[in-house]
Amino acid sequence: MNTIDVALICKALGDSNRLQIIQMLSDGEKCGCKLLEAFEITQPTLSHHMKILNECGLVNDWKEGRWHHYSLNCETLNAFKTFIEGLSCCKEERGCCQ
């Protein structure tokens, strides 16, 4: 995963509503109607949040009738986790803190 993709994901997760949506989707696929029930936002606002999460690759969606269904894109999430896990707080004078 390149740093531009990581930056887009970090920007997407910088909003508390979007971070909560990701947490909800970690339990499995959800209909947009279920996500709306959990937040005090309008359907257009939810669509805006989901568009950002979809564009950075964290979320997949498909439409059934009036509603979209959303799930986490595990490939992107795992690549992001691998990038984050590769970061460390090493200080040369103290050795690596791991």
PDB file of N, CA and C in Angstrom:
ATOM      1  N   MET A   1       0.858  -1.165   0.000  1.00  0.00           N
ATOM      2  CA  MET A   1       0.000   0.000   0.000  1.00  0.00           C
ATOM      3  C   MET A   1       0.904   1.227   0.000  1.00  0.00           C
ATOM      4  N   ASN A   2       0.610   2.171  -0.894  1.00  0.00           N
ATOM      5  CA  ASN A   2       1.443   3.370  -0.959  1.00  0.00           C
ATOM      6  C   ASN A   2       0.953   4.441   0.022  1.00  0.00           C
ATOM      7  N   THR A   3       1.793   5.435   0.230  1.00  0.00           N
ATOM      8  CA  THR A   3       1.487   6.455   1.244  1.00  0.00           C
ATOM      9  C   THR A   3       0.287   7.321   0.861  1.00  0.00           C
ATOM     10  N   ILE A   4       0.010   7.476  -0.421  1.00  0.00           N
ATOM     11  CA  ILE A   4      -1.172   8.254  -0.835  1.00  0.00           C
ATOM     12  C   ILE A   4      -2.439   7.511  -0.413  1.00  0.00           C
ATOM     13  N   ASP A   5      -2.470   6.192  -0.626  1.00  0.00           N
ATOM     14  CA  ASP A   5      -3.627   5.398  -0.209  1.00  0.00           C
ATOM     15  C   ASP A   5      -3.798   5.430   1.307  1.00  0.00           C
ATOM     16  N   VAL A   6      -2.691   5.338   2.032  1.00  0.00           N
ATOM     17  CA  VAL A   6      -2.748   5.396   3.499  1.00  0.00           C
ATOM     18  C   VAL A   6      -3.290   6.753   3.951  1.00  0.00           C
ATOM     19  N   ALA A   7      -2.836   7.823   3.305  1.00  0.00           N
ATOM     20  CA  ALA A   7      -3.301   9.163   3.672  1.00  0.00           C
ATOM     21  C   ALA A   7      -4.803   9.309   3.426  1.00  0.00           C
ATOM     22  N   LEU A   8      -5.312   8.747   2.321  1.00  0.00           N
ATOM     23  CA  LEU A   8      -6.749   8.813   2.037  1.00  0.00           C
ATOM     24  C   LEU A   8      -7.550   8.057   3.087  1.00  0.00           C
ATOM     25  N   ILE A   9      -7.045   6.905   3.511  1.00  0.00           N
ATOM     26  CA  ILE A   9      -7.730   6.133   4.551  1.00  0.00           C
ATOM     27  C   ILE A   9      -7.704   6.894   5.877  1.00  0.00           C
ATOM     28  N   CYS A  10      -6.551   7.462   6.225  1.00  0.00           N
ATOM     29  CA  CYS A  10      -6.458   8.229   7.472  1.00  0.00           C
ATOM     30  C   CYS A  10      -7.410   9.414   7.455  1.00  0.00           C
ATOM     31  N   LYS A  11      -7.503  10.078   6.320  1.00  0.00           N
ATOM     32  CA  LYS A  11      -8.428  11.212   6.198  1.00  0.00           C
ATOM     33  C   LYS A  11      -9.870  10.737   6.368  1.00  0.00           C
ATOM     34  N   ALA A  12     -10.205   9.607   5.748  1.00  0.00           N
ATOM     35  CA  ALA A  12     -11.562   9.066   5.873  1.00  0.00           C
ATOM     36  C   ALA A  12     -11.875   8.694   7.321  1.00  0.00           C
ATOM     37  N   LEU A  13     -10.905   8.127   8.018  1.00  0.00           N
ATOM     38  CA  LEU A  13     -11.129   7.698   9.400  1.00  0.00           C
ATOM     39  C   LEU A  13     -11.032   8.845  10.395  1.00  0.00           C
ATOM     40  N   GLY A  14     -10.672  10.030   9.910  1.00  0.00           N
ATOM     41  CA  GLY A  14     -10.575  11.207  10.777  1.00  0.00           C
ATOM     42  C   GLY A  14     -11.918  11.752  11.213  1.00  0.00           C
ATOM     43  N   ASP A  15     -12.988  11.246  10.660  1.00  0.00           N
ATOM     44  CA  ASP A  15     -14.335  11.667  11.047  1.00  0.00           C
ATOM     45  C   ASP A  15     -14.911  10.613  11.987  1.00  0.00           C
ATOM     46  N   SER A  16     -15.424  11.039  13.134  1.00  0.00           N
ATOM     47  CA  SER A  16     -15.890  10.074  14.136  1.00  0.00           C
ATOM     48  C   SER A  16     -17.059   9.235  13.634  1.00  0.00           C
ATOM     49  N   ASN A  17     -17.952   9.814  12.822  1.00  0.00           N
ATOM     50  CA  ASN A  17     -19.056   9.020  12.282  1.00  0.00           C
ATOM     51  C   ASN A  17     -18.531   7.903  11.379  1.00  0.00           C
ATOM     52  N   ARG A  18     -17.567   8.235  10.519  1.00  0.00           N
ATOM     53  CA  ARG A  18     -17.022   7.223   9.623  1.00  0.00           C
ATOM     54  C   ARG A  18     -16.262   6.148  10.400  1.00  0.00           C
ATOM     55  N   LEU A  19     -15.573   6.548  11.434  1.00  0.00           N
ATOM     56  CA  LEU A  19     -14.871   5.567  12.268  1.00  0.00           C
ATOM     57  C   LEU A  19     -15.870   4.620  12.939  1.00  0.00           C
ATOM     58  N   GLN A  20     -16.993   5.155  13.410  1.00  0.00           N
ATOM     59  CA  GLN A  20     -18.033   4.323  14.020  1.00  0.00           C
ATOM     60  C   GLN A  20     -18.669   3.397  12.981  1.00  0.00           C
ATOM     61  N   ILE A  21     -18.828   3.881  11.753  1.00  0.00           N
ATOM     62  CA  ILE A  21     -19.373   3.045  10.687  1.00  0.00           C
ATOM     63  C   ILE A  21     -18.448   1.863  10.435  1.00  0.00           C
ATOM     64  N   ILE A  22     -17.144   2.114  10.385  1.00  0.00           N
ATOM     65  CA  ILE A  22     -16.176   1.029  10.188  1.00  0.00           C
ATOM     66  C   ILE A  22     -16.270   0.024  11.333  1.00  0.00           C
ATOM     67  N   GLN A  23     -16.402   0.515  12.553  1.00  0.00           N
ATOM     68  CA  GLN A  23     -16.557  -0.386  13.701  1.00  0.00           C
ATOM     69  C   GLN A  23     -17.816  -1.237  13.556  1.00  0.00           C
ATOM     70  N   MET A  24     -18.907  -0.631  13.128  1.00  0.00           N
ATOM     71  CA  MET A  24     -20.150  -1.388  12.945  1.00  0.00           C
ATOM     72  C   MET A  24     -19.998  -2.444  11.852  1.00  0.00           C
ATOM     73  N   LEU A  25     -19.312  -2.095  10.777  1.00  0.00           N
ATOM     74  CA  LEU A  25     -19.142  -3.035   9.667  1.00  0.00           C
ATOM     75  C   LEU A  25     -18.175  -4.162  10.008  1.00  0.00           C
ATOM     76  N   SER A  26     -17.376  -3.983  11.051  1.00  0.00           N
ATOM     77  CA  SER A  26     -16.463  -5.056  11.447  1.00  0.00           C
ATOM     78  C   SER A  26     -17.234  -6.266  11.977  1.00  0.00           C
ATOM     79  N   ASP A  27     -18.507  -6.070  12.317  1.00  0.00           N
ATOM     80  CA  ASP A  27     -19.374  -7.174  12.732  1.00  0.00           C
ATOM     81  C   ASP A  27     -20.023  -7.872  11.542  1.00  0.00           C
ATOM     82  N   GLY A  28     -19.824  -7.327  10.341  1.00  0.00           N
ATOM     83  CA  GLY A  28     -20.419  -7.924   9.138  1.00  0.00           C
ATOM     84  C   GLY A  28     -21.177  -6.899   8.322  1.00  0.00           C
ATOM     85  N   GLU A  29     -21.651  -7.364   7.187  1.00  0.00           N
ATOM     86  CA  GLU A  29     -22.377  -6.509   6.241  1.00  0.00           C
ATOM     87  C   GLU A  29     -23.594  -5.860   6.892  1.00  0.00           C
ATOM     88  N   LYS A  30     -23.839  -4.602   6.509  1.00  0.00           N
ATOM     89  CA  LYS A  30     -24.999  -3.874   7.037  1.00  0.00           C
ATOM     90  C   LYS A  30     -25.714  -3.154   5.894  1.00  0.00           C
ATOM     91  N   CYS A  31     -27.008  -3.097   6.008  1.00  0.00           N
ATOM     92  CA  CYS A  31     -27.828  -2.296   5.105  1.00  0.00           C
ATOM     93  C   CYS A  31     -27.700  -0.828   5.520  1.00  0.00           C
ATOM     94  N   GLY A  32     -27.760   0.072   4.552  1.00  0.00           N
ATOM     95  CA  GLY A  32     -27.725   1.499   4.867  1.00  0.00           C
ATOM     96  C   GLY A  32     -28.811   1.885   5.853  1.00  0.00           C
ATOM     97  N   CYS A  33     -29.952   1.215   5.789  1.00  0.00           N
ATOM     98  CA  CYS A  33     -31.048   1.515   6.712  1.00  0.00           C
ATOM     99  C   CYS A  33     -30.647   1.237   8.157  1.00  0.00           C
ATOM    100  N   LYS A  34     -29.859   0.184   8.386  1.00  0.00           N
ATOM    101  CA  LYS A  34     -29.394  -0.138   9.739  1.00  0.00           C
ATOM    102  C   LYS A  34     -28.358   0.884  10.222  1.00  0.00           C
ATOM    103  N   LEU A  35     -27.514   1.332   9.307  1.00  0.00           N
ATOM    104  CA  LEU A  35     -26.535   2.359   9.677  1.00  0.00           C
ATOM    105  C   LEU A  35     -27.248   3.664  10.033  1.00  0.00           C
ATOM    106  N   LEU A  36     -28.284   4.003   9.272  1.00  0.00           N
ATOM    107  CA  LEU A  36     -29.034   5.228   9.564  1.00  0.00           C
ATOM    108  C   LEU A  36     -29.676   5.182  10.950  1.00  0.00           C
ATOM    109  N   GLU A  37     -30.163   4.021  11.346  1.00  0.00           N
ATOM    110  CA  GLU A  37     -30.787   3.877  12.664  1.00  0.00           C
ATOM    111  C   GLU A  37     -29.810   4.183  13.793  1.00  0.00           C
ATOM    112  N   ALA A  38     -28.522   3.939  13.563  1.00  0.00           N
ATOM    113  CA  ALA A  38     -27.514   4.098  14.613  1.00  0.00           C
ATOM    114  C   ALA A  38     -27.023   5.537  14.758  1.00  0.00           C
ATOM    115  N   PHE A  39     -27.320   6.383  13.791  1.00  0.00           N
ATOM    116  CA  PHE A  39     -26.806   7.755  13.803  1.00  0.00           C
ATOM    117  C   PHE A  39     -27.952   8.747  13.665  1.00  0.00           C
ATOM    118  N   GLU A  40     -27.742   9.926  14.164  1.00  0.00           N
ATOM    119  CA  GLU A  40     -28.719  10.992  13.998  1.00  0.00           C
ATOM    120  C   GLU A  40     -28.305  11.858  12.817  1.00  0.00           C
ATOM    121  N   ILE A  41     -28.309  11.232  11.623  1.00  0.00           N
ATOM    122  CA  ILE A  41     -27.937  11.926  10.405  1.00  0.00           C
ATOM    123  C   ILE A  41     -28.975  11.610   9.337  1.00  0.00           C
ATOM    124  N   THR A  42     -28.990  12.403   8.281  1.00  0.00           N
ATOM    125  CA  THR A  42     -29.918  12.183   7.182  1.00  0.00           C
ATOM    126  C   THR A  42     -29.345  11.159   6.208  1.00  0.00           C
ATOM    127  N   GLN A  43     -30.182  10.639   5.342  1.00  0.00           N
ATOM    128  CA  GLN A  43     -29.740   9.673   4.344  1.00  0.00           C
ATOM    129  C   GLN A  43     -28.698  10.286   3.409  1.00  0.00           C
ATOM    130  N   PRO A  44     -28.867  11.557   2.943  1.00  0.00           N
ATOM    131  CA  PRO A  44     -27.808  12.139   2.105  1.00  0.00           C
ATOM    132  C   PRO A  44     -26.464  12.260   2.830  1.00  0.00           C
ATOM    133  N   THR A  45     -26.491  12.526   4.134  1.00  0.00           N
ATOM    134  CA  THR A  45     -25.248  12.616   4.903  1.00  0.00           C
ATOM    135  C   THR A  45     -24.591  11.242   5.009  1.00  0.00           C
ATOM    136  N   LEU A  46     -25.401  10.206   5.239  1.00  0.00           N
ATOM    137  CA  LEU A  46     -24.852   8.849   5.264  1.00  0.00           C
ATOM    138  C   LEU A  46     -24.239   8.509   3.909  1.00  0.00           C
ATOM    139  N   SER A  47     -24.921   8.861   2.831  1.00  0.00           N
ATOM    140  CA  SER A  47     -24.396   8.590   1.494  1.00  0.00           C
ATOM    141  C   SER A  47     -23.049   9.269   1.282  1.00  0.00           C
ATOM    142  N   HIS A  48     -22.922  10.495   1.784  1.00  0.00           N
ATOM    143  CA  HIS A  48     -21.650  11.223   1.678  1.00  0.00           C
ATOM    144  C   HIS A  48     -20.539  10.468   2.413  1.00  0.00           C
ATOM    145  N   HIS A  49     -20.815  10.041   3.633  1.00  0.00           N
ATOM    146  CA  HIS A  49     -19.821   9.294   4.414  1.00  0.00           C
ATOM    147  C   HIS A  49     -19.443   7.987   3.712  1.00  0.00           C
ATOM    148  N   MET A  50     -20.442   7.289   3.196  1.00  0.00           N
ATOM    149  CA  MET A  50     -20.176   6.004   2.551  1.00  0.00           C
ATOM    150  C   MET A  50     -19.399   6.185   1.254  1.00  0.00           C
ATOM    151  N   LYS A  51     -19.649   7.269   0.556  1.00  0.00           N
ATOM    152  CA  LYS A  51     -18.899   7.554  -0.677  1.00  0.00           C
ATOM    153  C   LYS A  51     -17.418   7.724  -0.356  1.00  0.00           C
ATOM    154  N   ILE A  52     -17.109   8.448   0.710  1.00  0.00           N
ATOM    155  CA  ILE A  52     -15.713   8.661   1.115  1.00  0.00           C
ATOM    156  C   ILE A  52     -15.061   7.339   1.516  1.00  0.00           C
ATOM    157  N   LEU A  53     -15.779   6.517   2.276  1.00  0.00           N
ATOM    158  CA  LEU A  53     -15.244   5.222   2.701  1.00  0.00           C
ATOM    159  C   LEU A  53     -15.064   4.282   1.513  1.00  0.00           C
ATOM    160  N   ASN A  54     -15.953   4.377   0.548  1.00  0.00           N
ATOM    161  CA  ASN A  54     -15.848   3.554  -0.650  1.00  0.00           C
ATOM    162  C   ASN A  54     -14.697   4.008  -1.536  1.00  0.00           C
ATOM    163  N   GLU A  55     -14.541   5.323  -1.690  1.00  0.00           N
ATOM    164  CA  GLU A  55     -13.501   5.858  -2.566  1.00  0.00           C
ATOM    165  C   GLU A  55     -12.092   5.562  -2.054  1.00  0.00           C
ATOM    166  N   CYS A  56     -11.916   5.484  -0.746  1.00  0.00           N
ATOM    167  CA  CYS A  56     -10.585   5.160  -0.218  1.00  0.00           C
ATOM    168  C   CYS A  56     -10.365   3.645  -0.180  1.00  0.00           C
ATOM    169  N   GLY A  57     -11.390   2.877  -0.525  1.00  0.00           N
ATOM    170  CA  GLY A  57     -11.250   1.438  -0.645  1.00  0.00           C
ATOM    171  C   GLY A  57     -11.570   0.635   0.598  1.00  0.00           C
ATOM    172  N   LEU A  58     -11.982   1.286   1.674  1.00  0.00           N
ATOM    173  CA  LEU A  58     -12.266   0.557   2.910  1.00  0.00           C
ATOM    174  C   LEU A  58     -13.586  -0.207   2.885  1.00  0.00           C
ATOM    175  N   VAL A  59     -14.527   0.251   2.048  1.00  0.00           N
ATOM    176  CA  VAL A  59     -15.879  -0.298   2.065  1.00  0.00           C
ATOM    177  C   VAL A  59     -16.303  -0.719   0.659  1.00  0.00           C
ATOM    178  N   ASN A  60     -16.957  -1.864   0.594  1.00  0.00           N
ATOM    179  CA  ASN A  60     -17.613  -2.324  -0.629  1.00  0.00           C
ATOM    180  C   ASN A  60     -19.103  -2.074  -0.481  1.00  0.00           C
ATOM    181  N   ASP A  61     -19.791  -1.871  -1.593  1.00  0.00           N
ATOM    182  CA  ASP A  61     -21.243  -1.703  -1.506  1.00  0.00           C
ATOM    183  C   ASP A  61     -21.923  -2.364  -2.691  1.00  0.00           C
ATOM    184  N   TRP A  62     -23.176  -2.709  -2.474  1.00  0.00           N
ATOM    185  CA  TRP A  62     -24.029  -3.194  -3.541  1.00  0.00           C
ATOM    186  C   TRP A  62     -25.450  -2.753  -3.239  1.00  0.00           C
ATOM    187  N   LYS A  63     -26.241  -2.628  -4.268  1.00  0.00           N
ATOM    188  CA  LYS A  63     -27.594  -2.089  -4.115  1.00  0.00           C
ATOM    189  C   LYS A  63     -28.623  -3.196  -4.283  1.00  0.00           C
ATOM    190  N   GLU A  64     -29.604  -3.151  -3.388  1.00  0.00           N
ATOM    191  CA  GLU A  64     -30.749  -4.050  -3.478  1.00  0.00           C
ATOM    192  C   GLU A  64     -31.999  -3.202  -3.279  1.00  0.00           C
ATOM    193  N   GLY A  65     -32.729  -3.022  -4.345  1.00  0.00           N
ATOM    194  CA  GLY A  65     -33.911  -2.159  -4.268  1.00  0.00           C
ATOM    195  C   GLY A  65     -33.508  -0.723  -3.957  1.00  0.00           C
ATOM    196  N   ARG A  66     -34.099  -0.184  -2.928  1.00  0.00           N
ATOM    197  CA  ARG A  66     -33.854   1.209  -2.541  1.00  0.00           C
ATOM    198  C   ARG A  66     -32.566   1.384  -1.741  1.00  0.00           C
ATOM    199  N   TRP A  67     -32.092   0.322  -1.105  1.00  0.00           N
ATOM    200  CA  TRP A  67     -30.999   0.446  -0.147  1.00  0.00           C
ATOM    201  C   TRP A  67     -29.684  -0.128  -0.658  1.00  0.00           C
ATOM    202  N   HIS A  68     -28.617   0.499  -0.214  1.00  0.00           N
ATOM    203  CA  HIS A  68     -27.275  -0.025  -0.443  1.00  0.00           C
ATOM    204  C   HIS A  68     -26.899  -0.890   0.759  1.00  0.00           C
ATOM    205  N   HIS A  69     -26.108  -1.897   0.491  1.00  0.00           N
ATOM    206  CA  HIS A  69     -25.557  -2.754   1.538  1.00  0.00           C
ATOM    207  C   HIS A  69     -24.050  -2.555   1.530  1.00  0.00           C
ATOM    208  N   TYR A  70     -23.474  -2.523   2.723  1.00  0.00           N
ATOM    209  CA  TYR A  70     -22.056  -2.191   2.864  1.00  0.00           C
ATOM    210  C   TYR A  70     -21.320  -3.272   3.643  1.00  0.00           C
ATOM    211  N   SER A  71     -20.074  -3.480   3.252  1.00  0.00           N
ATOM    212  CA  SER A  71     -19.203  -4.396   3.984  1.00  0.00           C
ATOM    213  C   SER A  71     -17.782  -3.853   3.915  1.00  0.00           C
ATOM    214  N   LEU A  72     -16.943  -4.312   4.836  1.00  0.00           N
ATOM    215  CA  LEU A  72     -15.542  -3.908   4.820  1.00  0.00           C
ATOM    216  C   LEU A  72     -14.818  -4.593   3.669  1.00  0.00           C
ATOM    217  N   ASN A  73     -13.903  -3.882   3.058  1.00  0.00           N
ATOM    218  CA  ASN A  73     -13.015  -4.459   2.055  1.00  0.00           C
ATOM    219  C   ASN A  73     -11.811  -4.988   2.833  1.00  0.00           C
ATOM    220  N   CYS A  74     -11.803  -6.281   3.090  1.00  0.00           N
ATOM    221  CA  CYS A  74     -10.772  -6.883   3.944  1.00  0.00           C
ATOM    222  C   CYS A  74      -9.379  -6.745   3.344  1.00  0.00           C
ATOM    223  N   GLU A  75      -9.263  -6.785   2.037  1.00  0.00           N
ATOM    224  CA  GLU A  75      -7.953  -6.651   1.405  1.00  0.00           C
ATOM    225  C   GLU A  75      -7.342  -5.280   1.717  1.00  0.00           C
ATOM    226  N   THR A  76      -8.135  -4.231   1.567  1.00  0.00           N
ATOM    227  CA  THR A  76      -7.650  -2.880   1.859  1.00  0.00           C
ATOM    228  C   THR A  76      -7.382  -2.713   3.345  1.00  0.00           C
ATOM    229  N   LEU A  77      -8.290  -3.197   4.182  1.00  0.00           N
ATOM    230  CA  LEU A  77      -8.118  -3.064   5.628  1.00  0.00           C
ATOM    231  C   LEU A  77      -6.850  -3.782   6.089  1.00  0.00           C
ATOM    232  N   ASN A  78      -6.616  -4.978   5.568  1.00  0.00           N
ATOM    233  CA  ASN A  78      -5.414  -5.725   5.962  1.00  0.00           C
ATOM    234  C   ASN A  78      -4.138  -5.047   5.467  1.00  0.00           C
ATOM    235  N   ALA A  79      -4.165  -4.467   4.268  1.00  0.00           N
ATOM    236  CA  ALA A  79      -2.994  -3.737   3.762  1.00  0.00           C
ATOM    237  C   ALA A  79      -2.719  -2.510   4.626  1.00  0.00           C
ATOM    238  N   PHE A  80      -3.780  -1.819   5.058  1.00  0.00           N
ATOM    239  CA  PHE A  80      -3.639  -0.654   5.932  1.00  0.00           C
ATOM    240  C   PHE A  80      -3.062  -1.084   7.284  1.00  0.00           C
ATOM    241  N   LYS A  81      -3.582  -2.172   7.838  1.00  0.00           N
ATOM    242  CA  LYS A  81      -3.075  -2.677   9.117  1.00  0.00           C
ATOM    243  C   LYS A  81      -1.601  -3.050   9.008  1.00  0.00           C
ATOM    244  N   THR A  82      -1.218  -3.669   7.904  1.00  0.00           N
ATOM    245  CA  THR A  82       0.175  -4.040   7.696  1.00  0.00           C
ATOM    246  C   THR A  82       1.060  -2.805   7.640  1.00  0.00           C
ATOM    247  N   PHE A  83       0.583  -1.763   6.968  1.00  0.00           N
ATOM    248  CA  PHE A  83       1.347  -0.514   6.902  1.00  0.00           C
ATOM    249  C   PHE A  83       1.534   0.056   8.308  1.00  0.00           C
ATOM    250  N   ILE A  84       0.453   0.131   9.073  1.00  0.00           N
ATOM    251  CA  ILE A  84       0.504   0.697  10.433  1.00  0.00           C
ATOM    252  C   ILE A  84       1.406  -0.153  11.326  1.00  0.00           C
ATOM    253  N   GLU A  85       1.298  -1.469  11.221  1.00  0.00           N
ATOM    254  CA  GLU A  85       2.130  -2.351  12.040  1.00  0.00           C
ATOM    255  C   GLU A  85       3.607  -2.213  11.710  1.00  0.00           C
ATOM    256  N   GLY A  86       3.912  -1.743  10.505  1.00  0.00           N
ATOM    257  CA  GLY A  86       5.298  -1.546  10.099  1.00  0.00           C
ATOM    258  C   GLY A  86       5.924  -0.290  10.676  1.00  0.00           C
ATOM    259  N   LEU A  87       5.099   0.539  11.291  1.00  0.00           N
ATOM    260  CA  LEU A  87       5.624   1.752  11.930  1.00  0.00           C
ATOM    261  C   LEU A  87       6.158   1.393  13.313  1.00  0.00           C
ATOM    262  N   SER A  88       7.181   2.115  13.749  1.00  0.00           N
ATOM    263  CA  SER A  88       7.703   1.867  15.086  1.00  0.00           C
ATOM    264  C   SER A  88       8.136   3.184  15.706  1.00  0.00           C
ATOM    265  N   CYS A  89       8.398   3.135  16.970  1.00  0.00           N
ATOM    266  CA  CYS A  89       8.828   4.335  17.693  1.00  0.00           C
ATOM    267  C   CYS A  89      10.265   4.158  18.184  1.00  0.00           C
ATOM    268  N   CYS A  90      11.093   3.646  17.323  1.00  0.00           N
ATOM    269  CA  CYS A  90      12.498   3.404  17.694  1.00  0.00           C
ATOM    270  C   CYS A  90      13.246   4.713  17.920  1.00  0.00           C
ATOM    271  N   LYS A  91      14.067   4.706  18.922  1.00  0.00           N
ATOM    272  CA  LYS A  91      14.976   5.824  19.184  1.00  0.00           C
ATOM    273  C   LYS A  91      16.378   5.222  19.244  1.00  0.00           C
ATOM    274  N   GLU A  92      17.243   5.731  18.439  1.00  0.00           N
ATOM    275  CA  GLU A  92      18.580   5.138  18.305  1.00  0.00           C
ATOM    276  C   GLU A  92      19.314   5.014  19.631  1.00  0.00           C
ATOM    277  N   GLU A  93      19.207   6.040  20.487  1.00  0.00           N
ATOM    278  CA  GLU A  93      19.966   5.993  21.731  1.00  0.00           C
ATOM    279  C   GLU A  93      19.398   4.983  22.735  1.00  0.00           C
ATOM    280  N   ARG A  94      18.158   4.566  22.566  1.00  0.00           N
ATOM    281  CA  ARG A  94      17.545   3.638  23.519  1.00  0.00           C
ATOM    282  C   ARG A  94      17.327   2.257  22.935  1.00  0.00           C
ATOM    283  N   GLY A  95      17.483   2.103  21.664  1.00  0.00           N
ATOM    284  CA  GLY A  95      17.128   0.829  21.017  1.00  0.00           C
ATOM    285  C   GLY A  95      15.667   0.886  20.611  1.00  0.00           C
ATOM    286  N   CYS A  96      15.189  -0.182  20.041  1.00  0.00           N
ATOM    287  CA  CYS A  96      13.813  -0.203  19.534  1.00  0.00           C
ATOM    288  C   CYS A  96      12.844  -0.544  20.662  1.00  0.00           C
ATOM    289  N   CYS A  97      11.766   0.216  20.752  1.00  0.00           N
ATOM    290  CA  CYS A  97      10.785  -0.017  21.818  1.00  0.00           C
ATOM    291  C   CYS A  97       9.737  -1.041  21.409  1.00  0.00           C
ATOM    292  N   GLN A  98       9.620  -1.348  20.137  1.00  0.00           N
ATOM    293  CA  GLN A  98       8.655  -2.294  19.599  1.00  0.00           C
ATOM    294  C   GLN A  98       7.317  -2.062  20.209  1.00  0.00           C
TER     295      GLN A  98
END
